[in-house]
Amino acid sequence: MTESTHQTPSRKVLRGRPYSIAEFARKYRLDDKEAKRIFDKFGPSATELDLLMEAKRKPPSLASAIGH
Protein backbone atom coordinates (compact mmCIF):
# COMPACT_ATOMS: atom_id res chain seq x y z
CA MET A 1 0.00 0.00 0.00
CA THR A 2 1.23 3.45 -0.79
CA GLU A 3 1.13 6.43 1.47
CA SER A 4 -0.20 9.69 0.19
CA THR A 5 2.48 12.33 -0.18
CA HIS A 6 -0.15 15.06 0.00
CA GLN A 7 -1.06 15.43 3.64
CA THR A 8 -3.25 18.22 4.88
CA PRO A 9 -1.60 20.45 7.44
CA SER A 10 -2.72 19.66 10.97
CA ARG A 11 -4.83 22.32 12.57
CA LYS A 12 -4.54 23.21 16.21
CA VAL A 13 -7.72 22.79 18.22
CA LEU A 14 -9.08 26.13 19.35
CA ARG A 15 -9.66 26.21 23.11
CA GLY A 16 -11.91 28.99 24.30
CA ARG A 17 -13.10 31.88 22.22
CA PRO A 18 -10.70 33.46 19.73
CA TYR A 19 -9.08 36.86 20.34
CA SER A 20 -8.64 39.35 17.55
CA ILE A 21 -5.09 40.69 17.34
CA ALA A 22 -6.32 44.17 18.29
CA GLU A 23 -8.20 42.88 21.35
CA PHE A 24 -5.19 40.81 22.48
CA ALA A 25 -2.79 43.74 22.02
CA ARG A 26 -5.08 46.11 23.92
CA LYS A 27 -5.64 43.70 26.83
CA TYR A 28 -1.93 43.09 27.41
CA ARG A 29 -0.67 46.54 26.31
CA LEU A 30 1.44 45.12 23.50
CA ASP A 31 2.51 46.94 20.37
CA ASP A 32 1.01 45.60 17.15
CA LYS A 33 4.21 43.87 16.01
CA GLU A 34 4.65 41.91 19.27
CA ALA A 35 0.95 41.01 19.48
CA LYS A 36 1.01 39.68 15.91
CA ARG A 37 4.20 37.68 16.57
CA ILE A 38 2.68 35.96 19.61
CA PHE A 39 -0.68 35.52 17.87
CA ASP A 40 0.96 33.90 14.83
CA LYS A 41 3.05 31.59 16.99
CA PHE A 42 0.38 30.46 19.47
CA GLY A 43 -2.91 31.02 17.61
CA PRO A 44 -6.03 32.98 18.51
CA SER A 45 -7.23 30.91 21.50
CA ALA A 46 -8.08 33.30 24.34
CA THR A 47 -7.57 30.50 26.87
CA GLU A 48 -4.07 29.66 25.67
CA LEU A 49 -2.98 33.27 25.17
CA ASP A 50 -4.21 34.22 28.66
CA LEU A 51 -2.26 31.30 30.15
CA LEU A 52 0.84 32.27 28.18
CA MET A 53 0.69 35.90 29.28
CA GLU A 54 0.10 34.87 32.90
CA ALA A 55 3.18 32.63 32.74
CA LYS A 56 5.26 35.48 31.28
CA ARG A 57 4.41 37.83 34.15
CA LYS A 58 7.29 38.79 36.34
CA PRO A 59 7.18 36.88 39.64
CA PRO A 60 7.03 39.06 42.75
CA SER A 61 10.36 39.79 44.37
CA LEU A 62 11.09 38.40 47.81
CA ALA A 63 10.98 41.88 49.38
CA SER A 64 7.50 42.62 48.02
CA ALA A 65 6.30 39.15 48.96
CA ILE A 66 7.19 39.68 52.65
CA GLY A 67 5.99 43.27 52.73
CA HIS A 68 9.28 45.24 52.92
C-alpha atoms as a PDB file:
ATOM      1  CA  MET A   1       0.000   0.000   0.000  1.00  0.00           C
ATOM      2  CA  THR A   2       1.225   3.449  -0.794  1.00  0.00           C
ATOM      3  CA  GLU A   3       1.132   6.426   1.467  1.00  0.00           C
ATOM      4  CA  SER A   4      -0.201   9.693   0.190  1.00  0.00           C
ATOM      5  CA  THR A   5       2.485  12.329  -0.183  1.00  0.00           C
ATOM      6  CA  HIS A   6      -0.149  15.061   0.002  1.00  0.00           C
ATOM      7  CA  GLN A   7      -1.064  15.427   3.640  1.00  0.00           C
ATOM      8  CA  THR A   8      -3.247  18.224   4.877  1.00  0.00           C
ATOM      9  CA  PRO A   9      -1.600  20.454   7.440  1.00  0.00           C
ATOM     10  CA  SER A  10      -2.720  19.664  10.967  1.00  0.00           C
ATOM     11  CA  ARG A  11      -4.834  22.323  12.569  1.00  0.00           C
ATOM     12  CA  LYS A  12      -4.538  23.209  16.206  1.00  0.00           C
ATOM     13  CA  VAL A  13      -7.725  22.786  18.220  1.00  0.00           C
ATOM     14  CA  LEU A  14      -9.083  26.129  19.354  1.00  0.00           C
ATOM     15  CA  ARG A  15      -9.663  26.211  23.110  1.00  0.00           C
ATOM     16  CA  GLY A  16     -11.909  28.993  24.303  1.00  0.00           C
ATOM     17  CA  ARG A  17     -13.097  31.883  22.218  1.00  0.00           C
ATOM     18  CA  PRO A  18     -10.698  33.458  19.733  1.00  0.00           C
ATOM     19  CA  TYR A  19      -9.082  36.857  20.339  1.00  0.00           C
ATOM     20  CA  SER A  20      -8.635  39.352  17.554  1.00  0.00           C
ATOM     21  CA  ILE A  21      -5.088  40.692  17.340  1.00  0.00           C
ATOM     22  CA  ALA A  22      -6.321  44.169  18.288  1.00  0.00           C
ATOM     23  CA  GLU A  23      -8.200  42.884  21.354  1.00  0.00           C
ATOM     24  CA  PHE A  24      -5.192  40.810  22.477  1.00  0.00           C
ATOM     25  CA  ALA A  25      -2.789  43.743  22.018  1.00  0.00           C
ATOM     26  CA  ARG A  26      -5.083  46.111  23.922  1.00  0.00           C
ATOM     27  CA  LYS A  27      -5.645  43.696  26.830  1.00  0.00           C
ATOM     28  CA  TYR A  28      -1.933  43.091  27.411  1.00  0.00           C
ATOM     29  CA  ARG A  29      -0.675  46.540  26.314  1.00  0.00           C
ATOM     30  CA  LEU A  30       1.438  45.119  23.501  1.00  0.00           C
ATOM     31  CA  ASP A  31       2.510  46.942  20.374  1.00  0.00           C
ATOM     32  CA  ASP A  32       1.007  45.601  17.147  1.00  0.00           C
ATOM     33  CA  LYS A  33       4.209  43.870  16.013  1.00  0.00           C
ATOM     34  CA  GLU A  34       4.648  41.914  19.267  1.00  0.00           C
ATOM     35  CA  ALA A  35       0.951  41.010  19.484  1.00  0.00           C
ATOM     36  CA  LYS A  36       1.009  39.676  15.913  1.00  0.00           C
ATOM     37  CA  ARG A  37       4.197  37.681  16.571  1.00  0.00           C
ATOM     38  CA  ILE A  38       2.675  35.957  19.611  1.00  0.00           C
ATOM     39  CA  PHE A  39      -0.681  35.519  17.874  1.00  0.00           C
ATOM     40  CA  ASP A  40       0.961  33.900  14.825  1.00  0.00           C
ATOM     41  CA  LYS A  41       3.055  31.589  16.993  1.00  0.00           C
ATOM     42  CA  PHE A  42       0.376  30.457  19.468  1.00  0.00           C
ATOM     43  CA  GLY A  43      -2.906  31.024  17.613  1.00  0.00           C
ATOM     44  CA  PRO A  44      -6.033  32.981  18.507  1.00  0.00           C
ATOM     45  CA  SER A  45      -7.229  30.913  21.503  1.00  0.00           C
ATOM     46  CA  ALA A  46      -8.078  33.301  24.338  1.00  0.00           C
ATOM     47  CA  THR A  47      -7.574  30.497  26.867  1.00  0.00           C
ATOM     48  CA  GLU A  48      -4.072  29.656  25.674  1.00  0.00           C
ATOM     49  CA  LEU A  49      -2.984  33.272  25.173  1.00  0.00           C
ATOM     50  CA  ASP A  50      -4.210  34.223  28.656  1.00  0.00           C
ATOM     51  CA  LEU A  51      -2.261  31.303  30.152  1.00  0.00           C
ATOM     52  CA  LEU A  52       0.837  32.270  28.183  1.00  0.00           C
ATOM     53  CA  MET A  53       0.686  35.898  29.279  1.00  0.00           C
ATOM     54  CA  GLU A  54       0.101  34.873  32.905  1.00  0.00           C
ATOM     55  CA  ALA A  55       3.178  32.626  32.737  1.00  0.00           C
ATOM     56  CA  LYS A  56       5.258  35.481  31.276  1.00  0.00           C
ATOM     57  CA  ARG A  57       4.409  37.830  34.151  1.00  0.00           C
ATOM     58  CA  LYS A  58       7.295  38.786  36.341  1.00  0.00           C
ATOM     59  CA  PRO A  59       7.179  36.883  39.644  1.00  0.00           C
ATOM     60  CA  PRO A  60       7.033  39.061  42.750  1.00  0.00           C
ATOM     61  CA  SER A  61      10.356  39.794  44.370  1.00  0.00           C
ATOM     62  CA  LEU A  62      11.093  38.399  47.807  1.00  0.00           C
ATOM     63  CA  ALA A  63      10.976  41.879  49.377  1.00  0.00           C
ATOM     64  CA  SER A  64       7.504  42.617  48.025  1.00  0.00           C
ATOM     65  CA  ALA A  65       6.300  39.148  48.964  1.00  0.00           C
ATOM     66  CA  ILE A  66       7.188  39.676  52.648  1.00  0.00           C
ATOM     67  CA  GLY A  67       5.991  43.273  52.730  1.00  0.00           C
ATOM     68  CA  HIS A  68       9.281  45.236  52.920  1.00  0.00           C
END
